[in-house]
């Protein structure tokens, strides 16, 4: 959640920002801060760093936007219902779940007590369906391998 808040602050948007608004902010920023616009090496380096941070924030917020999730809902539903969990990592409040189909999703704001219950359950797939998949903000971390 901390990363989401930082990225929203960097872009100057709130929770209700849609893809159209994010894209407009991104384009305006890139017009002003594109490294090729500057002459001196110091200005170019500073602009490049700002651009990298802004690009990362933009792509991250687009990946968790409701419109993006609505477009990818069928694929997400297929992964969480038909593919088993093969691995997971927990760092801070971010839980990454890797599925047998090769896809991986990150869930943000997962409390430690939920993670501990998840790890200690006899049926992790069932626990995740009930307590994780639809309760936390998520984004796709890796693509599934196409067969």
Protein backbone atom coordinates (compact mmCIF):
# COMPACT_ATOMS: atom_id res chain seq x y z
CA UNK A 1 0.00 0.00 0.00
CA UNK A 2 2.90 2.33 0.71
CA UNK A 3 4.09 2.04 -2.88
CA UNK A 4 0.61 2.82 -4.21
CA UNK A 5 0.38 5.93 -2.04
CA UNK A 6 3.85 7.11 -3.09
CA UNK A 7 3.08 6.64 -6.79
CA UNK A 8 -0.24 8.47 -6.49
CA UNK A 9 1.50 11.32 -4.70
CA UNK A 10 4.22 11.48 -7.38
CA UNK A 11 1.62 11.72 -10.14
CA UNK A 12 -0.62 14.00 -8.12
CA UNK A 13 -3.73 11.81 -8.44
CA UNK A 14 -6.16 10.26 -5.99
CA UNK A 15 -7.86 6.86 -5.84
CA UNK A 16 -10.57 7.89 -8.27
CA UNK A 17 -8.17 8.69 -11.16
CA UNK A 18 -9.10 6.78 -14.30
CA UNK A 19 -6.89 5.64 -17.16
CA UNK A 20 -7.67 8.68 -19.28
CA UNK A 21 -6.56 11.03 -16.51
CA UNK A 22 -3.41 9.01 -15.83
CA UNK A 23 -2.50 9.04 -19.51
CA UNK A 24 -2.98 12.81 -19.79
CA UNK A 25 -0.80 13.45 -16.74
CA UNK A 26 1.85 11.07 -18.05
CA UNK A 27 1.98 12.70 -21.48
CA UNK A 28 2.17 16.22 -20.04
CA UNK A 29 4.98 15.22 -17.72
CA UNK A 30 6.94 13.55 -20.51
CA UNK A 31 6.57 16.67 -22.68
CA UNK A 32 8.10 18.75 -19.89
CA UNK A 33 10.76 16.35 -18.62
CA UNK A 34 11.91 14.29 -21.59
CA UNK A 35 15.74 14.02 -21.39
CA UNK A 36 16.22 14.96 -25.06
CA UNK A 37 14.71 18.37 -24.29
CA UNK A 38 17.72 19.42 -22.18
CA UNK A 39 21.20 20.45 -23.33
CA UNK A 40 23.52 20.03 -20.36
CA UNK A 41 24.49 16.61 -19.06
CA UNK A 42 23.39 17.44 -15.51
CA UNK A 43 19.93 18.52 -16.65
CA UNK A 44 19.63 15.43 -18.88
CA UNK A 45 20.60 13.12 -16.00
CA UNK A 46 18.09 14.76 -13.64
CA UNK A 47 15.35 14.61 -16.28
CA UNK A 48 16.15 10.96 -16.98
CA UNK A 49 15.84 10.05 -13.30
CA UNK A 50 12.53 11.91 -12.99
CA UNK A 51 11.27 10.29 -16.17
CA UNK A 52 12.17 6.78 -14.98
CA UNK A 53 10.38 7.30 -11.67
CA UNK A 54 7.36 8.76 -13.41
CA UNK A 55 7.19 5.97 -16.01
CA UNK A 56 7.40 3.32 -13.28
CA UNK A 57 4.63 5.03 -11.28
CA UNK A 58 2.42 5.39 -14.36
CA UNK A 59 2.76 1.75 -15.42
CA UNK A 60 2.17 0.54 -11.89
CA UNK A 61 -0.99 2.62 -11.41
CA UNK A 62 -2.30 1.57 -14.82
CA UNK A 63 -1.79 -2.09 -13.84
CA UNK A 64 -3.99 -1.73 -10.74
CA UNK A 65 -6.61 0.55 -12.30
CA UNK A 66 -10.18 -0.81 -12.25
CA UNK A 67 -10.42 -0.50 -16.04
CA UNK A 68 -7.30 -2.64 -16.52
CA UNK A 69 -8.53 -5.21 -14.04
CA UNK A 70 -11.91 -5.36 -15.77
CA UNK A 71 -10.18 -6.05 -19.10
CA UNK A 72 -8.08 -8.84 -17.57
CA UNK A 73 -10.81 -10.31 -15.35
CA UNK A 74 -11.37 -13.42 -17.48
CA UNK A 75 -7.65 -14.28 -17.48
CA UNK A 76 -7.39 -13.57 -13.73
CA UNK A 77 -10.43 -15.70 -12.97
CA UNK A 78 -9.00 -18.58 -15.02
CA UNK A 79 -5.70 -18.42 -13.13
CA UNK A 80 -7.19 -18.33 -9.64
CA UNK A 81 -9.81 -21.01 -10.27
CA UNK A 82 -8.10 -23.58 -12.46
CA UNK A 83 -4.44 -23.26 -11.53
CA UNK A 84 -2.92 -24.31 -8.23
CA UNK A 85 -0.63 -22.20 -6.09
CA UNK A 86 2.96 -23.40 -6.43
CA UNK A 87 4.91 -20.70 -4.58
CA UNK A 88 4.49 -17.47 -2.67
CA UNK A 89 6.63 -14.65 -1.34
CA UNK A 90 5.71 -12.09 1.31
CA UNK A 91 7.58 -8.83 1.73
CA UNK A 92 6.25 -5.95 3.80
CA UNK A 93 2.54 -6.10 3.09
CA UNK A 94 2.92 -7.39 -0.47
CA UNK A 95 2.11 -11.03 -1.17
CA UNK A 96 3.14 -12.55 -4.49
CA UNK A 97 1.44 -15.79 -5.47
CA UNK A 98 2.86 -17.92 -8.30
CA UNK A 99 0.48 -20.30 -10.06
CA UNK A 100 1.11 -23.56 -11.89
CA UNK A 101 0.14 -21.98 -15.23
CA UNK A 102 3.18 -19.66 -14.96
CA UNK A 103 1.32 -16.53 -13.96
CA UNK A 104 1.99 -14.59 -10.78
CA UNK A 105 -0.04 -11.91 -9.03
CA UNK A 106 0.93 -9.39 -6.37
CA UNK A 107 -1.57 -8.52 -3.63
CA UNK A 108 -1.07 -5.27 -1.74
CA UNK A 109 -1.93 -4.46 1.86
CA UNK A 110 -2.04 -8.06 3.07
CA UNK A 111 -1.65 -8.02 6.88
CA UNK A 112 0.90 -10.33 8.44
CA UNK A 113 -1.76 -12.26 10.39
CA UNK A 114 -3.60 -13.14 7.14
CA UNK A 115 -0.29 -14.24 5.58
CA UNK A 116 0.52 -16.45 8.59
CA UNK A 117 -2.93 -18.06 8.46
CA UNK A 118 -2.45 -18.58 4.72
CA UNK A 119 0.91 -20.29 5.17
CA UNK A 120 -0.37 -22.52 7.96
CA UNK A 121 -3.63 -23.62 6.36
CA UNK A 122 -4.17 -27.15 5.09
CA UNK A 123 -5.83 -25.86 1.92
CA UNK A 124 -4.02 -22.72 0.63
CA UNK A 125 -6.07 -22.54 -2.59
CA UNK A 126 -9.33 -22.51 -0.65
CA UNK A 127 -8.01 -19.99 1.89
CA UNK A 128 -6.82 -17.66 -0.88
CA UNK A 129 -10.18 -17.84 -2.66
CA UNK A 130 -11.97 -16.88 0.55
CA UNK A 131 -9.58 -14.32 2.06
CA UNK A 132 -7.12 -12.95 -0.49
CA UNK A 133 -8.12 -12.99 -4.16
CA UNK A 134 -11.04 -10.57 -3.94
CA UNK A 135 -10.17 -8.66 -0.77
CA UNK A 136 -6.93 -6.92 -1.78
CA UNK A 137 -5.68 -4.73 -4.60
CA UNK A 138 -3.77 -6.91 -7.04
CA UNK A 139 -1.80 -6.74 -10.25
CA UNK A 140 -0.25 -9.27 -12.56
CA UNK A 141 3.43 -9.69 -11.75
CA UNK A 142 4.39 -12.06 -14.59
CA UNK A 143 2.75 -13.43 -17.70
CA UNK A 144 1.61 -17.00 -18.04
CA UNK A 145 3.67 -19.11 -20.39
CA UNK A 146 1.81 -19.61 -23.67
CA UNK A 147 1.66 -23.22 -24.84
